Amino acid sequence: MKLSQLFRKNLTIIILLAVLAFLFTVAAQGMESKDFVITLLRGLSVGSITFLVASGFSLIFGLLDVLNLAHGTLFMIGAYVGWTVYVRPDTFVDLLAPLALLISGFLLGDVWKVLVSKIKLKGSIRKVLPWLGILLSGWILFSILKTYPISIWEPGNYALSPIGISYLATQGIRGQFPPPDMS
């Protein structure tokens, strides 16, 4: 293959690379090298996350023919959990025990199915009993954890709320956080 044919075949890619090189050169001249590297890495990280969301969306739509608009919600939840773990790592440690219980409940589902199948119950009770278990566990969960978010973020103290911390981060101010209350 001749060089002219190769150039003609890949003309769009060559023009795109030339435009990107020009934009990177102009951007690099306007800022310090440290700031340019930070901006470049932030752009790559946001681009890769956007690619992951878009590829997941297209895979689900292409394979299952289901338009799943929950990808944005899952992305938002993952971003919030990641941000919370980054800002307040102690909350992640506090959530490990309930998370481990939840995961073990899902993993032991087959064991529970075998154990429950050995119990002989009448037809109507057999249908109602799982729902009573779900209602009981939901009631226990909501009665125990109804103030858990308040204990994490302390609504009376604006400086420790997510809004205050993100405001400090956008202003480039390092927050002075009080030590955790051990009582």
Protein backbone atom coordinates (compact mmCIF):
# COMPACT_ATOMS: atom_id res chain seq x y z
CA MET A 1 0.00 0.00 0.00
CA LYS A 2 1.38 3.36 -0.99
CA LEU A 3 1.75 6.26 1.41
CA SER A 4 -0.78 8.38 -0.52
CA GLN A 5 -3.40 5.62 -0.29
CA LEU A 6 -2.74 5.22 3.43
CA PHE A 7 -3.07 8.98 3.90
CA ARG A 8 -6.32 9.11 1.89
CA LYS A 9 -7.79 6.12 3.74
CA ASN A 10 -7.07 7.57 7.21
CA LEU A 11 -7.66 11.26 6.44
CA THR A 12 -10.36 11.70 9.10
CA ILE A 13 -8.19 10.22 11.85
CA ILE A 14 -5.19 12.33 10.81
CA ILE A 15 -7.26 15.54 10.84
CA LEU A 16 -8.72 14.64 14.25
CA LEU A 17 -5.25 14.00 15.70
CA ALA A 18 -3.95 17.27 14.24
CA VAL A 19 -6.84 19.25 15.78
CA LEU A 20 -6.33 17.54 19.15
CA ALA A 21 -2.58 18.23 19.04
CA PHE A 22 -3.30 21.89 18.25
CA LEU A 23 -5.79 22.17 21.12
CA PHE A 24 -3.40 20.49 23.57
CA THR A 25 -0.59 22.83 22.49
CA VAL A 26 -2.75 25.93 22.94
CA ALA A 27 -4.00 24.70 26.33
CA ALA A 28 -0.47 23.84 27.51
CA GLN A 29 0.79 27.34 26.69
CA GLY A 30 -1.88 28.96 28.84
CA MET A 31 -1.12 27.09 32.07
CA GLU A 32 1.69 25.64 34.10
CA SER A 33 2.77 22.08 33.38
CA LYS A 34 1.43 20.82 36.72
CA ASP A 35 -2.00 22.33 36.03
CA PHE A 36 -1.97 20.95 32.49
CA VAL A 37 -1.25 17.42 33.74
CA ILE A 38 -4.00 17.70 36.37
CA THR A 39 -6.48 18.95 33.76
CA LEU A 40 -5.47 16.20 31.36
CA LEU A 41 -5.87 13.47 34.00
CA ARG A 42 -9.24 14.84 35.12
CA GLY A 43 -10.43 14.88 31.53
CA LEU A 44 -9.27 11.31 31.01
CA SER A 45 -10.99 10.12 34.18
CA VAL A 46 -14.29 11.83 33.33
CA GLY A 47 -14.04 10.54 29.76
CA SER A 48 -13.41 6.98 30.91
CA ILE A 49 -16.35 7.08 33.32
CA THR A 50 -18.57 8.48 30.58
CA PHE A 51 -17.36 5.70 28.29
CA LEU A 52 -18.20 3.05 30.90
CA VAL A 53 -21.71 4.42 31.37
CA ALA A 54 -22.28 4.70 27.60
CA SER A 55 -20.91 1.23 26.87
CA GLY A 56 -23.07 -0.30 29.61
CA PHE A 57 -26.08 1.52 28.21
CA SER A 58 -25.40 0.34 24.66
CA LEU A 59 -24.69 -3.25 25.77
CA ILE A 60 -27.96 -3.52 27.68
CA PHE A 61 -29.91 -1.90 24.87
CA GLY A 62 -28.17 -3.90 22.15
CA LEU A 63 -28.36 -7.32 23.78
CA LEU A 64 -31.65 -7.17 25.64
CA ASP A 65 -33.54 -4.53 23.63
CA VAL A 66 -34.38 -2.82 26.91
CA LEU A 67 -33.89 0.91 27.23
CA ASN A 68 -32.47 1.03 30.76
CA LEU A 69 -32.54 4.63 31.93
CA ALA A 70 -31.34 3.64 35.40
CA HIS A 71 -27.69 3.86 34.34
CA GLY A 72 -27.64 7.51 35.37
CA THR A 73 -29.05 6.63 38.76
CA LEU A 74 -26.51 3.86 39.29
CA PHE A 75 -23.73 6.23 38.21
CA MET A 76 -24.99 8.86 40.67
CA ILE A 77 -25.20 6.37 43.54
CA GLY A 78 -21.70 5.08 42.81
CA ALA A 79 -20.34 8.63 42.65
CA TYR A 80 -22.00 9.56 45.94
CA VAL A 81 -20.75 6.44 47.72
CA GLY A 82 -17.24 6.98 46.36
CA TRP A 83 -17.28 10.63 47.40
CA THR A 84 -18.56 9.74 50.87
CA VAL A 85 -15.86 7.11 51.35
CA TYR A 86 -13.22 9.60 50.18
CA VAL A 87 -14.42 12.44 52.43
CA ARG A 88 -15.44 10.42 55.49
CA PRO A 89 -13.76 6.98 55.44
CA ASP A 90 -15.12 6.20 58.90
CA THR A 91 -18.66 5.99 57.49
CA PHE A 92 -17.54 3.25 55.09
CA VAL A 93 -16.20 1.21 58.00
CA ASP A 94 -19.52 1.72 59.82
CA LEU A 95 -21.42 0.45 56.78
CA LEU A 96 -19.32 -2.70 56.34
CA ALA A 97 -21.27 -4.75 58.92
CA PRO A 98 -24.77 -4.12 57.44
CA LEU A 99 -23.34 -4.56 53.94
CA ALA A 100 -21.76 -7.90 54.92
CA LEU A 101 -25.06 -9.05 56.42
CA LEU A 102 -26.92 -8.09 53.25
CA ILE A 103 -24.44 -9.85 50.98
CA SER A 104 -24.43 -12.97 53.15
CA GLY A 105 -28.23 -13.02 53.03
CA PHE A 106 -28.15 -13.02 49.24
CA LEU A 107 -25.41 -15.63 49.08
CA LEU A 108 -27.18 -17.97 51.50
CA GLY A 109 -30.50 -17.79 49.63
CA ASP A 110 -30.18 -21.33 48.29
CA VAL A 111 -29.42 -22.69 51.76
CA TRP A 112 -32.53 -20.99 53.15
CA LYS A 113 -34.59 -22.40 50.26
CA VAL A 114 -33.54 -25.96 51.16
CA LEU A 115 -34.18 -25.40 54.88
CA VAL A 116 -37.61 -23.85 54.32
CA SER A 117 -38.64 -26.62 51.91
CA LYS A 118 -38.23 -29.16 54.73
CA ILE A 119 -40.84 -27.35 56.85
CA LYS A 120 -44.33 -28.69 56.11
CA LEU A 121 -46.93 -25.90 56.06
CA LYS A 122 -50.42 -25.51 54.61
CA GLY A 123 -50.83 -23.71 51.28
CA SER A 124 -52.07 -20.33 52.55
CA ILE A 125 -49.53 -20.11 55.38
CA ARG A 126 -46.78 -21.14 52.97
CA LYS A 127 -47.67 -18.14 50.75
CA VAL A 128 -48.02 -15.61 53.57
CA LEU A 129 -44.99 -16.57 55.67
CA PRO A 130 -42.29 -15.12 53.35
CA TRP A 131 -44.16 -11.83 53.14
CA LEU A 132 -44.44 -11.67 56.91
CA GLY A 133 -40.69 -12.23 57.15
CA ILE A 134 -40.03 -9.42 54.68
CA LEU A 135 -42.40 -7.06 56.53
CA LEU A 136 -40.83 -7.93 59.89
CA SER A 137 -37.29 -7.40 58.62
CA GLY A 138 -38.32 -4.09 56.97
CA TRP A 139 -39.94 -2.91 60.21
CA ILE A 140 -36.81 -3.83 62.18
CA LEU A 141 -34.58 -2.11 59.62
CA PHE A 142 -36.55 1.13 59.62
CA SER A 143 -37.01 1.23 63.38
CA ILE A 144 -33.29 0.73 64.04
CA LEU A 145 -31.84 2.83 61.24
CA LYS A 146 -34.32 5.72 61.08
CA THR A 147 -31.78 8.20 62.47
CA TYR A 148 -28.68 6.70 60.87
CA PRO A 149 -28.21 9.41 58.17
CA ILE A 150 -28.58 12.08 60.84
CA SER A 151 -25.89 10.44 62.96
CA ILE A 152 -23.57 10.35 59.94
CA TRP A 153 -23.89 13.94 58.76
CA GLU A 154 -24.92 15.84 61.92
CA PRO A 155 -27.48 18.27 60.42
CA GLY A 156 -26.90 20.82 63.17
CA ASN A 157 -23.28 21.24 62.11
CA TYR A 158 -23.20 22.65 58.58
CA ALA A 159 -19.42 22.32 58.34
CA LEU A 160 -19.63 18.53 58.49
CA SER A 161 -22.47 18.17 55.98
CA PRO A 162 -21.72 17.10 52.39
CA ILE A 163 -22.72 20.54 51.11
CA GLY A 164 -20.27 22.34 53.39
CA ILE A 165 -17.43 19.97 52.58
CA SER A 166 -17.99 20.26 48.83
CA TYR A 167 -18.13 24.06 49.12
CA LEU A 168 -14.78 24.06 50.91
CA ALA A 169 -13.32 21.74 48.27
CA THR A 170 -14.47 23.94 45.37
CA GLN A 171 -12.98 27.00 47.04
CA GLY A 172 -9.67 25.25 47.62
CA ILE A 173 -9.99 25.59 51.39
CA ARG A 174 -8.82 22.77 53.59
CA GLY A 175 -11.47 22.20 56.23
CA GLN A 176 -10.64 21.89 59.88
CA PHE A 177 -12.70 18.99 61.12
CA PRO A 178 -13.22 18.34 64.81
CA PRO A 179 -12.21 14.92 66.11
CA PRO A 180 -15.03 12.35 66.12
CA ASP A 181 -17.12 12.16 69.24
CA MET A 182 -16.36 8.84 70.92
CA SER A 183 -19.25 8.95 73.39
